[in-house]
Each structure stands twice: as structure tokens, then as C-alpha cells.
N, C-alpha and C. Protein backbone atom coordinates (compact mmCIF):
# COMPACT_ATOMS: atom_id res chain seq x y z
N MET A 1 38.19 -9.66 -1.92
CA MET A 1 37.78 -9.47 -0.36
C MET A 1 37.06 -7.96 -0.23
N LYS A 2 37.62 -7.01 -1.10
CA LYS A 2 37.06 -5.70 -0.81
C LYS A 2 35.70 -5.66 -1.53
N LYS A 3 35.42 -6.53 -2.46
CA LYS A 3 33.96 -6.51 -3.14
C LYS A 3 33.11 -7.08 -2.18
N ILE A 4 33.67 -8.15 -1.74
CA ILE A 4 32.68 -9.02 -0.54
C ILE A 4 32.27 -7.93 0.58
N ALA A 5 33.26 -7.18 1.01
CA ALA A 5 32.87 -6.30 1.92
C ALA A 5 32.03 -5.10 1.69
N LEU A 6 32.18 -4.65 0.51
CA LEU A 6 31.32 -3.70 -0.07
C LEU A 6 29.88 -4.12 -0.32
N LEU A 7 29.83 -5.50 -0.90
CA LEU A 7 28.52 -6.08 -0.98
C LEU A 7 27.87 -6.20 0.12
N THR A 8 28.44 -6.79 1.19
CA THR A 8 27.74 -6.85 2.61
C THR A 8 27.47 -5.37 2.88
N ALA A 9 28.01 -4.13 3.04
CA ALA A 9 27.88 -3.11 3.57
C ALA A 9 26.58 -2.77 2.81
N VAL A 10 26.64 -2.62 1.49
CA VAL A 10 25.45 -2.35 0.89
C VAL A 10 24.32 -2.99 1.10
N THR A 11 24.19 -4.33 1.25
CA THR A 11 23.03 -5.11 1.84
C THR A 11 22.64 -4.68 2.89
N PHE A 12 23.70 -4.58 3.91
CA PHE A 12 23.33 -4.24 5.32
C PHE A 12 22.46 -2.61 5.48
N PHE A 13 23.11 -1.81 4.74
CA PHE A 13 22.53 -0.50 4.72
C PHE A 13 21.39 -0.34 4.05
N ALA A 14 20.93 -0.88 3.06
CA ALA A 14 20.00 -0.76 1.89
C ALA A 14 18.65 -1.16 2.64
N GLY A 15 18.84 -2.25 3.28
CA GLY A 15 17.44 -2.84 3.84
C GLY A 15 16.81 -3.49 2.51
N CYS A 16 15.76 -4.03 2.69
CA CYS A 16 15.03 -4.97 1.53
C CYS A 16 13.41 -4.29 1.48
N THR A 17 13.00 -4.04 0.59
CA THR A 17 11.63 -3.85 0.45
C THR A 17 10.96 -4.79 -0.12
N ALA A 18 9.98 -5.49 0.29
CA ALA A 18 9.26 -6.52 -0.41
C ALA A 18 7.97 -5.94 -1.00
N ILE A 19 7.53 -5.96 -2.19
CA ILE A 19 6.18 -5.60 -2.68
C ILE A 19 5.64 -7.03 -3.34
N ASP A 20 4.35 -7.34 -2.90
CA ASP A 20 3.68 -8.41 -3.45
C ASP A 20 2.34 -7.75 -3.94
N VAL A 21 1.98 -8.03 -5.48
CA VAL A 21 0.81 -7.43 -5.74
C VAL A 21 -0.03 -8.25 -6.81
N LYS A 22 -1.18 -8.46 -6.38
CA LYS A 22 -2.17 -9.31 -7.53
C LYS A 22 -2.93 -8.23 -8.22
N GLN A 23 -2.60 -7.98 -9.43
CA GLN A 23 -3.27 -7.11 -9.95
C GLN A 23 -4.68 -7.19 -10.22
N VAL A 24 -5.32 -6.03 -10.37
CA VAL A 24 -6.74 -5.99 -10.61
C VAL A 24 -7.29 -6.25 -11.88
N ASP A 25 -7.93 -7.13 -12.57
CA ASP A 25 -8.30 -7.31 -14.12
C ASP A 25 -9.07 -6.12 -14.60
N SER A 26 -9.06 -5.48 -15.44
CA SER A 26 -9.72 -4.66 -16.30
C SER A 26 -11.13 -5.04 -16.35
N SER A 27 -11.25 -6.35 -16.42
CA SER A 27 -12.93 -6.78 -16.80
C SER A 27 -13.86 -6.34 -15.77
N HIS A 28 -13.33 -6.11 -14.71
CA HIS A 28 -14.11 -5.97 -13.37
C HIS A 28 -14.79 -4.50 -13.73
N GLN A 29 -14.39 -3.62 -14.62
CA GLN A 29 -14.89 -2.29 -14.57
C GLN A 29 -15.14 -1.58 -13.51
N ILE A 30 -14.11 -1.25 -12.88
CA ILE A 30 -14.06 -0.50 -11.39
C ILE A 30 -14.35 0.81 -11.75
N ASP A 31 -15.23 1.80 -11.27
CA ASP A 31 -15.23 3.20 -11.39
C ASP A 31 -15.32 3.93 -10.04
N HIS A 32 -15.84 3.04 -9.12
CA HIS A 32 -15.73 3.59 -7.68
C HIS A 32 -15.56 2.42 -6.70
N VAL A 33 -14.75 2.95 -5.63
CA VAL A 33 -14.48 2.14 -4.37
C VAL A 33 -14.61 2.50 -3.13
N CYS A 34 -15.44 1.77 -2.34
CA CYS A 34 -15.50 2.27 -0.89
C CYS A 34 -14.46 1.58 -0.09
N PHE A 35 -13.79 2.51 0.65
CA PHE A 35 -12.74 2.12 1.68
C PHE A 35 -13.36 1.95 3.01
N GLU A 36 -13.11 0.74 3.53
CA GLU A 36 -13.90 0.30 4.92
C GLU A 36 -12.82 1.05 5.77
N ASN A 37 -13.35 1.92 6.80
CA ASN A 37 -12.63 2.75 7.67
C ASN A 37 -11.88 1.66 8.57
N ASN A 38 -10.48 1.79 8.85
CA ASN A 38 -9.59 1.06 9.83
C ASN A 38 -9.29 1.82 10.82
N PRO A 39 -10.04 2.13 11.81
CA PRO A 39 -9.64 3.17 12.93
C PRO A 39 -8.00 2.83 13.33
N LYS A 40 -7.68 1.53 13.33
CA LYS A 40 -6.36 1.23 13.91
C LYS A 40 -5.36 1.61 13.18
N VAL A 41 -5.44 1.99 12.19
CA VAL A 41 -4.28 2.54 11.36
C VAL A 41 -3.89 4.02 11.64
N ILE A 42 -2.87 4.22 12.20
CA ILE A 42 -2.54 5.64 12.53
C ILE A 42 -1.31 6.19 11.69
N VAL A 43 -1.29 5.67 10.74
CA VAL A 43 -0.16 6.10 9.71
C VAL A 43 -0.73 7.46 9.16
N ALA A 44 -0.03 8.59 9.28
CA ALA A 44 -0.68 9.96 8.65
C ALA A 44 -0.42 9.73 7.18
N ASP A 45 -1.36 10.26 6.75
CA ASP A 45 -1.59 10.28 5.09
C ASP A 45 -1.81 9.26 4.41
N PHE A 46 -1.92 7.97 5.06
CA PHE A 46 -2.03 6.80 4.13
C PHE A 46 -3.21 6.65 3.42
N VAL A 47 -4.63 6.76 4.06
CA VAL A 47 -5.67 6.73 3.42
C VAL A 47 -5.91 7.70 2.24
N SER A 48 -5.44 8.93 2.55
CA SER A 48 -5.49 9.99 1.40
C SER A 48 -4.55 9.62 0.26
N THR A 49 -3.41 9.04 0.83
CA THR A 49 -2.42 8.77 -0.34
C THR A 49 -2.92 7.66 -1.41
N VAL A 50 -3.53 6.72 -0.73
CA VAL A 50 -4.15 5.41 -1.67
C VAL A 50 -5.19 6.07 -2.28
N GLU A 51 -5.98 7.14 -1.90
CA GLU A 51 -7.51 7.45 -2.52
C GLU A 51 -6.73 8.61 -3.73
N ASP A 52 -5.78 9.13 -3.40
CA ASP A 52 -5.15 9.98 -4.53
C ASP A 52 -4.84 9.08 -5.82
N VAL A 53 -4.24 7.97 -5.65
CA VAL A 53 -3.81 7.06 -6.72
C VAL A 53 -5.00 6.33 -7.43
N PHE A 54 -6.12 6.01 -6.60
CA PHE A 54 -7.29 5.60 -7.29
C PHE A 54 -7.59 6.63 -8.14
N HIS A 55 -7.68 7.77 -7.67
CA HIS A 55 -8.15 9.08 -8.63
C HIS A 55 -7.55 9.16 -9.83
N ASP A 56 -6.07 8.76 -9.53
CA ASP A 56 -5.15 8.94 -10.72
C ASP A 56 -5.62 8.16 -11.97
N HIS A 57 -6.34 6.81 -11.45
CA HIS A 57 -6.71 5.92 -12.18
C HIS A 57 -8.11 6.06 -12.66
N HIS A 58 -8.83 7.27 -12.42
CA HIS A 58 -9.99 7.75 -12.73
C HIS A 58 -11.21 6.66 -12.02
N ILE A 59 -10.88 6.16 -10.69
CA ILE A 59 -11.73 5.61 -9.92
C ILE A 59 -11.93 6.12 -8.86
N THR A 60 -13.17 6.62 -8.57
CA THR A 60 -13.45 7.70 -7.32
C THR A 60 -13.78 6.67 -6.09
N THR A 61 -13.69 7.40 -4.66
CA THR A 61 -13.56 6.61 -3.69
C THR A 61 -14.52 7.42 -2.63
N GLU A 62 -14.70 6.52 -1.69
CA GLU A 62 -15.50 7.01 -0.50
C GLU A 62 -15.04 6.18 0.82
N VAL A 63 -14.92 6.78 1.93
CA VAL A 63 -14.51 5.99 3.13
C VAL A 63 -15.76 5.89 3.91
N TYR A 64 -15.89 4.61 4.47
CA TYR A 64 -17.35 4.36 5.16
C TYR A 64 -16.88 3.72 6.62
N SER A 65 -17.81 4.03 7.44
CA SER A 65 -17.47 3.06 8.97
C SER A 65 -19.06 2.46 8.90
N GLY A 66 -19.02 1.23 9.78
CA GLY A 66 -19.97 0.73 9.88
C GLY A 66 -20.31 -0.34 8.71
N ARG A 67 -21.82 -0.51 8.55
CA ARG A 67 -22.11 -1.20 7.23
C ARG A 67 -21.86 -0.41 6.00
N LYS A 68 -21.38 -1.64 5.27
CA LYS A 68 -20.90 -0.93 3.72
C LYS A 68 -22.43 -0.39 3.18
N PRO A 69 -22.19 0.76 2.48
CA PRO A 69 -23.43 1.28 1.75
C PRO A 69 -23.76 0.35 0.63
N GLU A 70 -24.99 0.46 0.37
CA GLU A 70 -25.47 -0.47 -0.78
C GLU A 70 -24.88 -0.31 -1.99
N HIS A 71 -24.74 1.16 -2.38
CA HIS A 71 -24.11 1.28 -3.83
C HIS A 71 -22.85 0.86 -4.19
N CYS A 72 -22.12 0.40 -3.23
CA CYS A 72 -20.84 -0.07 -3.01
C CYS A 72 -20.62 -1.33 -3.79
N ASN A 73 -20.13 -1.39 -5.03
CA ASN A 73 -20.13 -2.72 -5.31
C ASN A 73 -18.29 -3.21 -5.15
N PHE A 74 -17.61 -2.19 -5.04
CA PHE A 74 -16.25 -2.72 -4.66
C PHE A 74 -15.86 -2.07 -3.49
N LYS A 75 -15.14 -2.76 -2.64
CA LYS A 75 -14.81 -2.42 -1.14
C LYS A 75 -13.26 -2.67 -1.10
N LEU A 76 -12.57 -1.71 -0.65
CA LEU A 76 -11.11 -2.00 -0.19
C LEU A 76 -10.99 -2.16 1.17
N THR A 77 -10.08 -2.98 2.05
CA THR A 77 -9.79 -2.82 3.27
C THR A 77 -8.22 -2.80 3.25
N TYR A 78 -7.89 -2.31 4.19
CA TYR A 78 -6.47 -1.80 4.50
C TYR A 78 -6.05 -1.88 5.73
N THR A 79 -4.64 -2.20 5.82
CA THR A 79 -3.99 -2.09 7.17
C THR A 79 -2.64 -1.35 6.78
N ALA A 80 -1.96 -0.87 7.93
CA ALA A 80 -0.81 -0.10 7.64
C ALA A 80 0.07 -0.06 9.09
N LEU A 81 1.15 -0.28 9.10
CA LEU A 81 1.67 -0.36 10.30
C LEU A 81 2.89 0.37 10.32
N ARG A 82 3.44 1.08 11.45
CA ARG A 82 4.47 2.00 11.45
C ARG A 82 5.68 1.59 12.32
N SER A 83 6.73 1.68 12.34
CA SER A 83 7.92 1.42 13.06
C SER A 83 8.35 2.78 13.45
N TRP A 84 9.28 2.66 14.47
CA TRP A 84 9.66 3.82 15.02
C TRP A 84 11.40 3.83 15.06
N ASP A 85 11.95 4.75 14.48
CA ASP A 85 13.47 4.81 14.85
C ASP A 85 14.07 6.18 14.70
N PHE A 86 13.81 6.95 15.61
CA PHE A 86 13.94 8.40 15.78
C PHE A 86 12.83 8.93 15.45
N SER A 87 11.90 8.62 14.63
CA SER A 87 10.79 9.20 13.96
C SER A 87 9.90 8.08 13.40
N PRO A 88 8.63 8.02 13.38
CA PRO A 88 7.73 6.98 12.88
C PRO A 88 7.87 6.78 11.47
N TYR A 89 7.70 5.86 10.98
CA TYR A 89 7.72 5.59 9.31
C TYR A 89 7.15 4.27 9.03
N LEU A 90 6.25 4.41 8.06
CA LEU A 90 5.71 3.14 7.40
C LEU A 90 6.41 1.94 7.12
N SER A 91 6.17 0.77 7.73
CA SER A 91 6.99 -0.41 7.68
C SER A 91 6.22 -1.48 6.90
N HIS A 92 4.97 -1.29 6.91
CA HIS A 92 4.21 -2.31 6.41
C HIS A 92 2.78 -2.09 5.91
N ALA A 93 2.27 -2.41 4.75
CA ALA A 93 0.56 -2.00 4.55
C ALA A 93 0.10 -3.19 3.68
N GLU A 94 -0.71 -3.48 3.63
CA GLU A 94 -1.80 -4.50 2.95
C GLU A 94 -3.14 -3.77 2.45
N LEU A 95 -3.20 -3.89 1.21
CA LEU A 95 -4.67 -3.49 0.75
C LEU A 95 -5.34 -4.59 0.20
N ARG A 96 -6.73 -5.02 0.39
CA ARG A 96 -7.31 -5.90 -0.26
C ARG A 96 -8.52 -5.33 -1.13
N LEU A 97 -8.75 -5.84 -2.12
CA LEU A 97 -9.69 -5.13 -3.06
C LEU A 97 -11.05 -6.20 -3.31
N PHE A 98 -12.10 -5.99 -3.04
CA PHE A 98 -13.18 -6.98 -3.12
C PHE A 98 -14.30 -6.58 -4.05
N LYS A 99 -14.74 -7.78 -4.82
CA LYS A 99 -16.20 -7.50 -5.21
C LYS A 99 -17.03 -8.26 -4.92
N GLY A 100 -17.95 -7.88 -4.01
CA GLY A 100 -18.93 -8.59 -3.52
C GLY A 100 -17.91 -9.38 -2.31
N ARG A 101 -17.91 -10.55 -2.08
CA ARG A 101 -17.03 -11.33 -0.98
C ARG A 101 -15.89 -12.04 -1.75
N GLU A 102 -15.75 -11.64 -3.23
CA GLU A 102 -14.63 -12.18 -3.91
C GLU A 102 -13.47 -11.05 -3.84
N ARG A 103 -12.16 -11.60 -3.28
CA ARG A 103 -11.01 -10.79 -3.43
C ARG A 103 -10.44 -10.99 -4.88
N ILE A 104 -10.43 -9.45 -5.40
CA ILE A 104 -9.96 -9.45 -6.76
C ILE A 104 -8.74 -8.84 -7.07
N GLY A 105 -8.10 -8.43 -5.89
CA GLY A 105 -6.68 -7.81 -5.89
C GLY A 105 -6.12 -7.61 -4.77
N TYR A 106 -4.61 -7.49 -4.40
CA TYR A 106 -4.18 -7.55 -3.46
C TYR A 106 -2.84 -6.87 -3.36
N ALA A 107 -2.47 -6.04 -2.43
CA ALA A 107 -1.19 -5.46 -2.54
C ALA A 107 -0.66 -5.37 -1.13
N GLU A 108 0.61 -5.70 -1.14
CA GLU A 108 1.52 -5.80 0.15
C GLU A 108 2.74 -4.84 -0.05
N TYR A 109 3.01 -4.06 0.85
CA TYR A 109 4.49 -3.43 0.81
C TYR A 109 4.95 -3.72 2.29
N HIS A 110 6.15 -4.23 2.34
CA HIS A 110 6.80 -4.57 3.56
C HIS A 110 8.25 -4.22 3.72
N LEU A 111 8.82 -3.61 4.62
CA LEU A 111 10.07 -3.12 5.04
C LEU A 111 10.83 -4.42 5.50
N ASN A 112 11.59 -5.50 5.17
CA ASN A 112 12.17 -6.54 5.65
C ASN A 112 13.25 -5.94 6.90
N GLY A 113 13.11 -6.60 7.82
CA GLY A 113 13.87 -6.19 8.98
C GLY A 113 13.66 -4.94 9.68
N GLY A 114 12.46 -4.25 9.19
CA GLY A 114 11.96 -2.85 9.66
C GLY A 114 12.85 -1.89 9.02
N GLY A 115 13.54 -2.15 7.97
CA GLY A 115 14.42 -1.33 6.94
C GLY A 115 15.86 -1.18 7.46
N GLY A 116 16.26 -1.77 8.75
CA GLY A 116 17.53 -1.89 8.94
C GLY A 116 18.09 -0.30 9.02
N PHE A 117 19.31 -0.32 8.31
CA PHE A 117 19.87 1.08 8.53
C PHE A 117 19.60 1.75 7.30
N ALA A 118 18.90 1.62 6.21
CA ALA A 118 18.36 2.27 5.06
C ALA A 118 17.66 3.60 5.37
N LEU A 119 18.34 4.48 4.96
CA LEU A 119 17.89 5.93 5.11
C LEU A 119 16.32 6.04 4.26
N ASN A 120 15.96 5.30 3.54
CA ASN A 120 14.82 5.53 2.43
C ASN A 120 13.68 4.96 3.32
N LYS A 121 13.95 4.31 4.32
CA LYS A 121 12.91 3.74 5.42
C LYS A 121 11.91 5.05 6.02
N TRP A 122 12.51 6.22 5.86
CA TRP A 122 11.78 7.62 6.54
C TRP A 122 11.22 8.20 5.09
N ALA A 123 11.44 7.50 3.92
CA ALA A 123 10.72 8.26 2.98
C ALA A 123 8.97 8.31 2.94
N SER A 124 8.40 9.16 2.49
CA SER A 124 7.11 9.51 2.51
C SER A 124 6.08 8.33 2.14
N VAL A 125 4.94 8.45 2.93
CA VAL A 125 4.07 7.27 2.53
C VAL A 125 3.91 7.46 0.94
N GLU A 126 3.72 8.41 0.44
CA GLU A 126 3.50 8.80 -0.73
C GLU A 126 4.40 7.89 -1.57
N SER A 127 5.62 8.35 -1.63
CA SER A 127 6.65 7.56 -2.26
C SER A 127 6.67 5.98 -1.86
N LYS A 128 6.13 5.44 -1.04
CA LYS A 128 6.51 4.11 -0.78
C LYS A 128 4.89 3.41 -1.49
N MET A 129 3.97 4.17 -1.20
CA MET A 129 2.58 3.35 -1.47
C MET A 129 2.02 3.69 -3.10
N THR A 130 2.28 4.79 -3.61
CA THR A 130 2.00 5.01 -5.07
C THR A 130 2.52 4.04 -6.01
N PRO A 131 3.81 3.64 -6.05
CA PRO A 131 4.17 2.54 -7.08
C PRO A 131 3.44 1.25 -6.71
N VAL A 132 2.85 0.87 -5.59
CA VAL A 132 2.44 -0.24 -4.87
C VAL A 132 0.94 -0.31 -5.76
N VAL A 133 0.29 0.65 -5.42
CA VAL A 133 -1.28 1.15 -5.92
C VAL A 133 -1.16 1.17 -7.35
N ASN A 134 -0.14 1.96 -7.96
CA ASN A 134 -0.01 1.88 -9.26
C ASN A 134 -0.05 0.46 -9.95
N GLN A 135 0.84 -0.49 -9.53
CA GLN A 135 0.85 -2.04 -9.68
C GLN A 135 -0.54 -2.51 -9.60
N LEU A 136 -1.09 -2.25 -8.69
CA LEU A 136 -2.53 -2.84 -8.28
C LEU A 136 -3.32 -2.60 -9.31
N LEU A 137 -3.44 -1.26 -9.93
CA LEU A 137 -4.55 -0.73 -10.96
C LEU A 137 -3.80 -0.67 -12.21
N ALA A 138 -2.68 -1.18 -12.41
CA ALA A 138 -2.01 -1.21 -13.69
C ALA A 138 -2.98 -1.07 -14.99
N GLN A 139 -3.89 -1.88 -15.10
CA GLN A 139 -4.79 -2.20 -16.11
C GLN A 139 -6.06 -1.08 -16.04
N TYR A 140 -5.71 -0.24 -15.14
CA TYR A 140 -6.79 1.04 -15.30
C TYR A 140 -5.89 2.36 -15.53
N LYS A 141 -5.87 2.61 -16.70
CA LYS A 141 -5.16 3.78 -16.99
C LYS A 141 -6.04 5.18 -17.15
């Protein structure tokens, strides 16, 4: 009975993080990605964190608004949502990477149940998104 209570408590307090990634194949030979600015995203440090991880994989980035620049063969669209529990925190994010109109990669981070009572829901955007983007770009060392 104590084991069941302990398991229930751990599950209740831990919350669940769901990560879904469709990795980008290295055959695409990505060296530069243009990020389509999403002004609805108000999660602090989100874009800069994602850009930093791309740079760690030796892929340069730029952010644009409006029409995609002609030199951009690869485009990233993103969304990020924050929730509030005493202070704001990242609760959901999606990245979609395109070559032309073809989606070649996808990554999603999601806190199930808004993170519940898990203390790690307030972790930094960097600690949440770095592993997700690393999975997306795993074939780019």
C-alpha cells in the first residue's frame, strides 16, 4: 500500500513532459535557416535559445518578418506558449523546419497538465528547449 501511495505521489508531483521529434536527415545539408518571426510568441529567450542550439550544430540563422528572403532555402516556423503559476513558464512549443514547401523536421515540447505540481515546470527555456532542438538536429554535429 505504501508503494502505491508513493508511486501516486511521485506521478502527481512530477508532471509529464512529452517530447515528439521528427529528426532532420543530414542529406539536406543545412547550413543556414531563416526563422519566420512569430510576433505572438512572448516567451522570453525562446528564439535566441533555439538559434543558439542551431549555431551549436554549425547552422547559421536569421529572423525575418514578412516575405521570406530569396536566399533562404530552409525556413523554421515556431510557436511557444506560456502558462502561469505564480510566474510564467514555457508549457508548449513547436518547431517546423521546411525545405521549400516540404516539412523536413518537426519538434514539439509539451508539459502535460500544465506541469501539475512539478517544480521543473519553472525551469529555463534553455533547459527545456536545448534537448528538443538537439534531437531535431542530431544528424548535424
